[in-house]
Amino acid sequence: CKNLQRVVDISDPEWAPYWTNYKMMKKLIKELPTLVPADAARESSDEESPSNQNKKPSAPKSNETMGQFPGERAFFKVLNAELRKAVHFFDKAVQEFTIREERVREGILIMKKPGYVMVSDRWSSLAKSLYKLYKDLLLLETYAIMTYCSFSKILKKHDKMTGYNTRANFMTKYVNNANFTHYPAVLRMIK
C-alpha cells in the first residue's frame, strides 16, 4: 500500500509501531494455499477467451473450512492482533489530544484575562502549540482512514487469493465497530 507508506513516513516516528503491518499480512496471504479447485484452475487456463478471464474462482460453500488450515489461522490471528493494536493506539491518542486541547484552551483563557500582560513570545508559543495540535489531529484522522483502508484492502487480497468471502463479514463485525471508524471527538477538536 504505497499511500500508507507515504503517510507513515511523514508521521511522528513514535507512531511507527502502531500503523498496520500491511507487508507482513500480505506476505502471510502469499503463503496461504489457494482454495480454487484444481478443475476450475485448469479450465480457466485452457480457455483463453475474455469472458472466462474475468470469472472469479468459485468460493467454498462456507468459511468454516478455513479453520482447518494453519496458515488461515495464523493470518486471522495477526489480523486480529493488528486490529487490537489499532484500537488501543487510537484510544490512547484521542485521550492525549483531549488533554492537549484542554491545555491550549486554558492557555487562551489565561492570556485573555483582564490585566494579563500580553507578551508576543507567549502568543507565539500558544499559536505554535495550537498549530501542532491541529496538525496532529489531522494526522490522527488520516491514521483512522488509512487503517480502515488497510484492513479492507488486505481482506480483499485474502479473498481473491483464497476464494473465501471473509471481507464483508470481518469488516462488518469487527472493523466497523472499532473506535477509529467513528471518531466524533477528533472531528470536534479539528473544528
C-alpha atoms as a PDB file:
ATOM      1  CA  CYS A   1       0.000   0.000   0.000  1.00  0.00           C
ATOM      2  CA  LYS A   2       2.054   2.926  -1.310  1.00  0.00           C
ATOM      3  CA  ASN A   3      -0.108   5.668   0.205  1.00  0.00           C
ATOM      4  CA  LEU A   4       0.099   4.043   3.624  1.00  0.00           C
ATOM      5  CA  GLN A   5       3.896   4.018   3.432  1.00  0.00           C
ATOM      6  CA  ARG A   6       3.967   7.714   2.473  1.00  0.00           C
ATOM      7  CA  VAL A   7       1.781   8.650   5.426  1.00  0.00           C
ATOM      8  CA  VAL A   8       3.878   6.519   7.781  1.00  0.00           C
ATOM      9  CA  ASP A   9       6.988   8.312   6.540  1.00  0.00           C
ATOM     10  CA  ILE A  10       5.594  11.789   7.328  1.00  0.00           C
ATOM     11  CA  SER A  11       4.006  10.829  10.641  1.00  0.00           C
ATOM     12  CA  ASP A  12       5.523  11.057  14.088  1.00  0.00           C
ATOM     13  CA  PRO A  13       8.201   8.333  14.432  1.00  0.00           C
ATOM     14  CA  GLU A  14       6.623   7.340  17.759  1.00  0.00           C
ATOM     15  CA  TRP A  15       3.553   6.225  15.806  1.00  0.00           C
ATOM     16  CA  ALA A  16       5.528   3.832  13.572  1.00  0.00           C
ATOM     17  CA  PRO A  17       4.797   0.630  15.518  1.00  0.00           C
ATOM     18  CA  TYR A  18       1.068   1.370  15.546  1.00  0.00           C
ATOM     19  CA  TRP A  19       0.478   1.516  11.808  1.00  0.00           C
ATOM     20  CA  THR A  20      -0.973  -1.612  10.240  1.00  0.00           C
ATOM     21  CA  ASN A  21       1.759  -4.044   9.265  1.00  0.00           C
ATOM     22  CA  TYR A  22       0.402  -4.450   5.762  1.00  0.00           C
ATOM     23  CA  LYS A  23       3.554  -6.004   4.316  1.00  0.00           C
ATOM     24  CA  MET A  24       3.612  -8.807   6.873  1.00  0.00           C
ATOM     25  CA  MET A  25      -0.056  -9.636   6.276  1.00  0.00           C
ATOM     26  CA  LYS A  26       0.466  -9.548   2.523  1.00  0.00           C
ATOM     27  CA  LYS A  27       3.359 -11.985   2.938  1.00  0.00           C
ATOM     28  CA  LEU A  28       1.142 -14.301   5.007  1.00  0.00           C
ATOM     29  CA  ILE A  29      -1.500 -14.237   2.277  1.00  0.00           C
ATOM     30  CA  LYS A  30       1.040 -15.225  -0.352  1.00  0.00           C
ATOM     31  CA  GLU A  31       1.932 -18.267   1.751  1.00  0.00           C
ATOM     32  CA  LEU A  32      -1.696 -19.429   2.043  1.00  0.00           C
ATOM     33  CA  PRO A  33      -2.815 -22.358  -0.083  1.00  0.00           C
ATOM     34  CA  THR A  34      -5.096 -21.319  -2.910  1.00  0.00           C
ATOM     35  CA  LEU A  35      -8.532 -22.785  -2.440  1.00  0.00           C
ATOM     36  CA  VAL A  36      -9.509 -22.735  -6.092  1.00  0.00           C
ATOM     37  CA  PRO A  37     -10.473 -26.263  -7.129  1.00  0.00           C
ATOM     38  CA  ALA A  38      -7.914 -27.809  -9.472  1.00  0.00           C
ATOM     39  CA  ASP A  39     -10.587 -28.403 -12.133  1.00  0.00           C
ATOM     40  CA  ALA A  40     -11.608 -24.734 -12.176  1.00  0.00           C
ATOM     41  CA  ALA A  41      -7.990 -23.598 -12.383  1.00  0.00           C
ATOM     42  CA  ARG A  42      -7.312 -25.975 -15.297  1.00  0.00           C
ATOM     43  CA  GLU A  43     -10.447 -24.859 -17.170  1.00  0.00           C
ATOM     44  CA  SER A  44      -9.563 -21.175 -16.878  1.00  0.00           C
ATOM     45  CA  SER A  45      -6.023 -21.734 -18.098  1.00  0.00           C
ATOM     46  CA  ASP A  46      -7.186 -23.887 -21.033  1.00  0.00           C
ATOM     47  CA  GLU A  47      -9.792 -21.429 -22.221  1.00  0.00           C
ATOM     48  CA  GLU A  48      -8.302 -18.050 -23.003  1.00  0.00           C
ATOM     49  CA  SER A  49     -11.492 -16.262 -24.006  1.00  0.00           C
ATOM     50  CA  PRO A  50     -12.046 -12.789 -22.462  1.00  0.00           C
ATOM     51  CA  SER A  51     -15.303 -13.850 -20.813  1.00  0.00           C
ATOM     52  CA  ASN A  52     -13.527 -16.625 -18.913  1.00  0.00           C
ATOM     53  CA  GLN A  53     -10.606 -14.448 -17.861  1.00  0.00           C
ATOM     54  CA  ASN A  54     -12.891 -12.217 -15.791  1.00  0.00           C
ATOM     55  CA  LYS A  55     -14.531 -15.108 -13.935  1.00  0.00           C
ATOM     56  CA  LYS A  56     -13.712 -15.317 -10.272  1.00  0.00           C
ATOM     57  CA  PRO A  57     -12.802 -18.655  -8.732  1.00  0.00           C
ATOM     58  CA  SER A  58     -15.713 -20.402  -7.117  1.00  0.00           C
ATOM     59  CA  ALA A  59     -15.669 -19.827  -3.387  1.00  0.00           C
ATOM     60  CA  PRO A  60     -16.189 -22.675  -0.976  1.00  0.00           C
ATOM     61  CA  LYS A  61     -19.745 -23.032   0.266  1.00  0.00           C
ATOM     62  CA  SER A  62     -18.847 -21.931   3.772  1.00  0.00           C
ATOM     63  CA  ASN A  63     -15.981 -20.227   5.518  1.00  0.00           C
ATOM     64  CA  GLU A  64     -15.982 -22.939   8.203  1.00  0.00           C
ATOM     65  CA  THR A  65     -13.340 -24.975   6.358  1.00  0.00           C
ATOM     66  CA  MET A  66     -10.874 -22.106   6.720  1.00  0.00           C
ATOM     67  CA  GLY A  67     -10.042 -23.122  10.283  1.00  0.00           C
ATOM     68  CA  GLN A  68      -8.569 -26.364   9.001  1.00  0.00           C
ATOM     69  CA  PHE A  69      -5.585 -24.555   7.524  1.00  0.00           C
ATOM     70  CA  PRO A  70      -2.827 -23.379   9.899  1.00  0.00           C
ATOM     71  CA  GLY A  71      -1.957 -20.543   7.503  1.00  0.00           C
ATOM     72  CA  GLU A  72      -5.518 -19.224   7.701  1.00  0.00           C
ATOM     73  CA  ARG A  73      -5.488 -19.358  11.488  1.00  0.00           C
ATOM     74  CA  ALA A  74      -2.154 -17.548  11.579  1.00  0.00           C
ATOM     75  CA  PHE A  75      -3.386 -14.865   9.170  1.00  0.00           C
ATOM     76  CA  PHE A  76      -6.514 -14.156  11.210  1.00  0.00           C
ATOM     77  CA  LYS A  77      -4.539 -14.149  14.483  1.00  0.00           C
ATOM     78  CA  VAL A  78      -2.255 -11.493  13.004  1.00  0.00           C
ATOM     79  CA  LEU A  79      -5.245  -9.607  11.591  1.00  0.00           C
ATOM     80  CA  ASN A  80      -6.975  -9.576  14.995  1.00  0.00           C
ATOM     81  CA  ALA A  81      -3.758  -8.511  16.718  1.00  0.00           C
ATOM     82  CA  GLU A  82      -3.387  -5.644  14.229  1.00  0.00           C
ATOM     83  CA  LEU A  83      -6.978  -4.600  14.902  1.00  0.00           C
ATOM     84  CA  ARG A  84      -6.471  -4.639  18.691  1.00  0.00           C
ATOM     85  CA  LYS A  85      -3.267  -2.641  18.273  1.00  0.00           C
ATOM     86  CA  ALA A  86      -5.005  -0.014  16.151  1.00  0.00           C
ATOM     87  CA  VAL A  87      -7.953   0.285  18.553  1.00  0.00           C
ATOM     88  CA  HIS A  88      -5.637   0.644  21.546  1.00  0.00           C
ATOM     89  CA  PHE A  89      -3.449   3.254  19.865  1.00  0.00           C
ATOM     90  CA  PHE A  90      -6.385   5.311  18.619  1.00  0.00           C
ATOM     91  CA  ASP A  91      -7.964   5.316  22.080  1.00  0.00           C
ATOM     92  CA  LYS A  92      -4.734   6.477  23.739  1.00  0.00           C
ATOM     93  CA  ALA A  93      -4.144   9.132  21.064  1.00  0.00           C
ATOM     94  CA  VAL A  94      -7.650  10.559  21.498  1.00  0.00           C
ATOM     95  CA  GLN A  95      -7.100  10.737  25.262  1.00  0.00           C
ATOM     96  CA  GLU A  96      -3.763  12.507  24.764  1.00  0.00           C
ATOM     97  CA  PHE A  97      -5.191  15.000  22.260  1.00  0.00           C
ATOM     98  CA  THR A  98      -8.142  15.752  24.536  1.00  0.00           C
ATOM     99  CA  ILE A  99      -5.702  16.709  27.305  1.00  0.00           C
ATOM    100  CA  ARG A 100      -3.635  18.796  24.881  1.00  0.00           C
ATOM    101  CA  GLU A 101      -6.744  20.594  23.661  1.00  0.00           C
ATOM    102  CA  GLU A 102      -7.760  21.399  27.250  1.00  0.00           C
ATOM    103  CA  ARG A 103      -4.299  22.840  27.940  1.00  0.00           C
ATOM    104  CA  VAL A 104      -4.408  25.031  24.837  1.00  0.00           C
ATOM    105  CA  ARG A 105      -7.883  26.276  25.792  1.00  0.00           C
ATOM    106  CA  GLU A 106      -6.694  27.015  29.331  1.00  0.00           C
ATOM    107  CA  GLY A 107      -3.732  28.944  27.930  1.00  0.00           C
ATOM    108  CA  ILE A 108      -6.034  31.036  25.768  1.00  0.00           C
ATOM    109  CA  LEU A 109      -8.297  31.795  28.744  1.00  0.00           C
ATOM    110  CA  ILE A 110      -5.325  32.796  30.903  1.00  0.00           C
ATOM    111  CA  MET A 111      -3.999  35.115  28.224  1.00  0.00           C
ATOM    112  CA  LYS A 112      -7.428  36.715  27.743  1.00  0.00           C
ATOM    113  CA  LYS A 113      -7.804  37.591  31.435  1.00  0.00           C
ATOM    114  CA  PRO A 114      -8.039  41.303  32.146  1.00  0.00           C
ATOM    115  CA  GLY A 115      -4.792  42.710  33.401  1.00  0.00           C
ATOM    116  CA  TYR A 116      -2.697  40.000  31.771  1.00  0.00           C
ATOM    117  CA  VAL A 117       0.317  41.484  30.069  1.00  0.00           C
ATOM    118  CA  MET A 118       0.409  40.213  26.515  1.00  0.00           C
ATOM    119  CA  VAL A 119       3.862  39.155  25.542  1.00  0.00           C
ATOM    120  CA  SER A 120       4.342  38.256  21.917  1.00  0.00           C
ATOM    121  CA  ASP A 121       6.516  35.246  22.843  1.00  0.00           C
ATOM    122  CA  ARG A 122       3.649  33.656  24.738  1.00  0.00           C
ATOM    123  CA  TRP A 123       1.137  34.256  21.965  1.00  0.00           C
ATOM    124  CA  SER A 124       3.654  32.831  19.530  1.00  0.00           C
ATOM    125  CA  SER A 125       4.222  29.685  21.599  1.00  0.00           C
ATOM    126  CA  LEU A 126       0.468  29.286  22.107  1.00  0.00           C
ATOM    127  CA  ALA A 127      -0.090  29.623  18.352  1.00  0.00           C
ATOM    128  CA  LYS A 128       2.633  27.024  17.702  1.00  0.00           C
ATOM    129  CA  SER A 129       1.097  24.562  20.149  1.00  0.00           C
ATOM    130  CA  LEU A 130      -2.336  25.122  18.612  1.00  0.00           C
ATOM    131  CA  TYR A 131      -0.909  24.547  15.124  1.00  0.00           C
ATOM    132  CA  LYS A 132       0.902  21.363  16.243  1.00  0.00           C
ATOM    133  CA  LEU A 133      -2.269  20.059  17.890  1.00  0.00           C
ATOM    134  CA  TYR A 134      -4.282  20.733  14.725  1.00  0.00           C
ATOM    135  CA  LYS A 135      -1.661  19.064  12.543  1.00  0.00           C
ATOM    136  CA  ASP A 136      -1.519  16.021  14.836  1.00  0.00           C
ATOM    137  CA  LEU A 137      -5.323  15.768  14.878  1.00  0.00           C
ATOM    138  CA  LEU A 138      -5.362  15.749  11.075  1.00  0.00           C
ATOM    139  CA  LEU A 139      -2.709  13.054  11.121  1.00  0.00           C
ATOM    140  CA  LEU A 140      -4.803  11.035  13.583  1.00  0.00           C
ATOM    141  CA  GLU A 141      -7.787  11.324  11.241  1.00  0.00           C
ATOM    142  CA  THR A 142      -5.538  10.153   8.405  1.00  0.00           C
ATOM    143  CA  TYR A 143      -4.400   7.276  10.625  1.00  0.00           C
ATOM    144  CA  ALA A 144      -8.034   6.245  11.085  1.00  0.00           C
ATOM    145  CA  ILE A 145      -8.800   6.390   7.372  1.00  0.00           C
ATOM    146  CA  MET A 146      -5.634   4.589   6.309  1.00  0.00           C
ATOM    147  CA  THR A 147      -6.073   1.898   8.957  1.00  0.00           C
ATOM    148  CA  TYR A 148      -9.628   1.238   7.813  1.00  0.00           C
ATOM    149  CA  CYS A 149      -8.489   1.086   4.185  1.00  0.00           C
ATOM    150  CA  SER A 150      -5.609  -1.251   5.004  1.00  0.00           C
ATOM    151  CA  PHE A 151      -7.960  -3.762   6.661  1.00  0.00           C
ATOM    152  CA  SER A 152     -10.358  -3.591   3.737  1.00  0.00           C
ATOM    153  CA  LYS A 153      -7.585  -3.960   1.188  1.00  0.00           C
ATOM    154  CA  ILE A 154      -5.785  -6.834   2.927  1.00  0.00           C
ATOM    155  CA  LEU A 155      -9.053  -8.741   3.304  1.00  0.00           C
ATOM    156  CA  LYS A 156      -9.825  -8.145  -0.357  1.00  0.00           C
ATOM    157  CA  LYS A 157      -6.418  -9.630  -1.250  1.00  0.00           C
ATOM    158  CA  HIS A 158      -7.081 -12.550   1.090  1.00  0.00           C
ATOM    159  CA  ASP A 159     -10.439 -13.292  -0.504  1.00  0.00           C
ATOM    160  CA  LYS A 160      -9.025 -13.006  -4.012  1.00  0.00           C
ATOM    161  CA  MET A 161      -6.159 -15.364  -3.211  1.00  0.00           C
ATOM    162  CA  THR A 162      -8.139 -17.969  -1.251  1.00  0.00           C
ATOM    163  CA  GLY A 163     -11.579 -17.820  -2.820  1.00  0.00           C
ATOM    164  CA  TYR A 164     -13.261 -17.250   0.529  1.00  0.00           C
ATOM    165  CA  ASN A 165     -15.617 -14.349   1.174  1.00  0.00           C
ATOM    166  CA  THR A 166     -14.415 -13.014   4.529  1.00  0.00           C
ATOM    167  CA  ARG A 167     -14.052  -9.313   3.823  1.00  0.00           C
ATOM    168  CA  ALA A 168     -17.654  -8.173   4.252  1.00  0.00           C
ATOM    169  CA  ASN A 169     -18.178 -10.273   7.362  1.00  0.00           C
ATOM    170  CA  PHE A 170     -14.943  -9.223   9.127  1.00  0.00           C
ATOM    171  CA  MET A 171     -15.365  -5.568   8.205  1.00  0.00           C
ATOM    172  CA  THR A 172     -18.966  -5.535   9.468  1.00  0.00           C
ATOM    173  CA  LYS A 173     -18.419  -7.486  12.677  1.00  0.00           C
ATOM    174  CA  TYR A 174     -15.057  -6.128  13.792  1.00  0.00           C
ATOM    175  CA  VAL A 175     -13.561  -3.232  11.866  1.00  0.00           C
ATOM    176  CA  ASN A 176     -16.746  -1.155  11.524  1.00  0.00           C
ATOM    177  CA  ASN A 177     -17.226  -1.368  15.298  1.00  0.00           C
ATOM    178  CA  ALA A 178     -13.694  -0.166  16.046  1.00  0.00           C
ATOM    179  CA  ASN A 179     -13.149   3.287  17.556  1.00  0.00           C
ATOM    180  CA  PHE A 180     -11.162   4.513  14.570  1.00  0.00           C
ATOM    181  CA  THR A 181     -14.181   4.206  12.277  1.00  0.00           C
ATOM    182  CA  HIS A 182     -16.338   6.660  14.252  1.00  0.00           C
ATOM    183  CA  TYR A 183     -14.461   9.496  15.925  1.00  0.00           C
ATOM    184  CA  PRO A 184     -16.725  12.477  16.711  1.00  0.00           C
ATOM    185  CA  ALA A 185     -14.374  13.700  19.463  1.00  0.00           C
ATOM    186  CA  VAL A 186     -11.500  14.039  16.997  1.00  0.00           C
ATOM    187  CA  LEU A 187     -13.711  15.801  14.445  1.00  0.00           C
ATOM    188  CA  ARG A 188     -14.947  18.177  17.159  1.00  0.00           C
ATOM    189  CA  MET A 189     -11.365  19.035  18.134  1.00  0.00           C
ATOM    190  CA  ILE A 190     -10.412  19.600  14.493  1.00  0.00           C
ATOM    191  CA  LYS A 191     -13.244  22.122  14.086  1.00  0.00           C
END
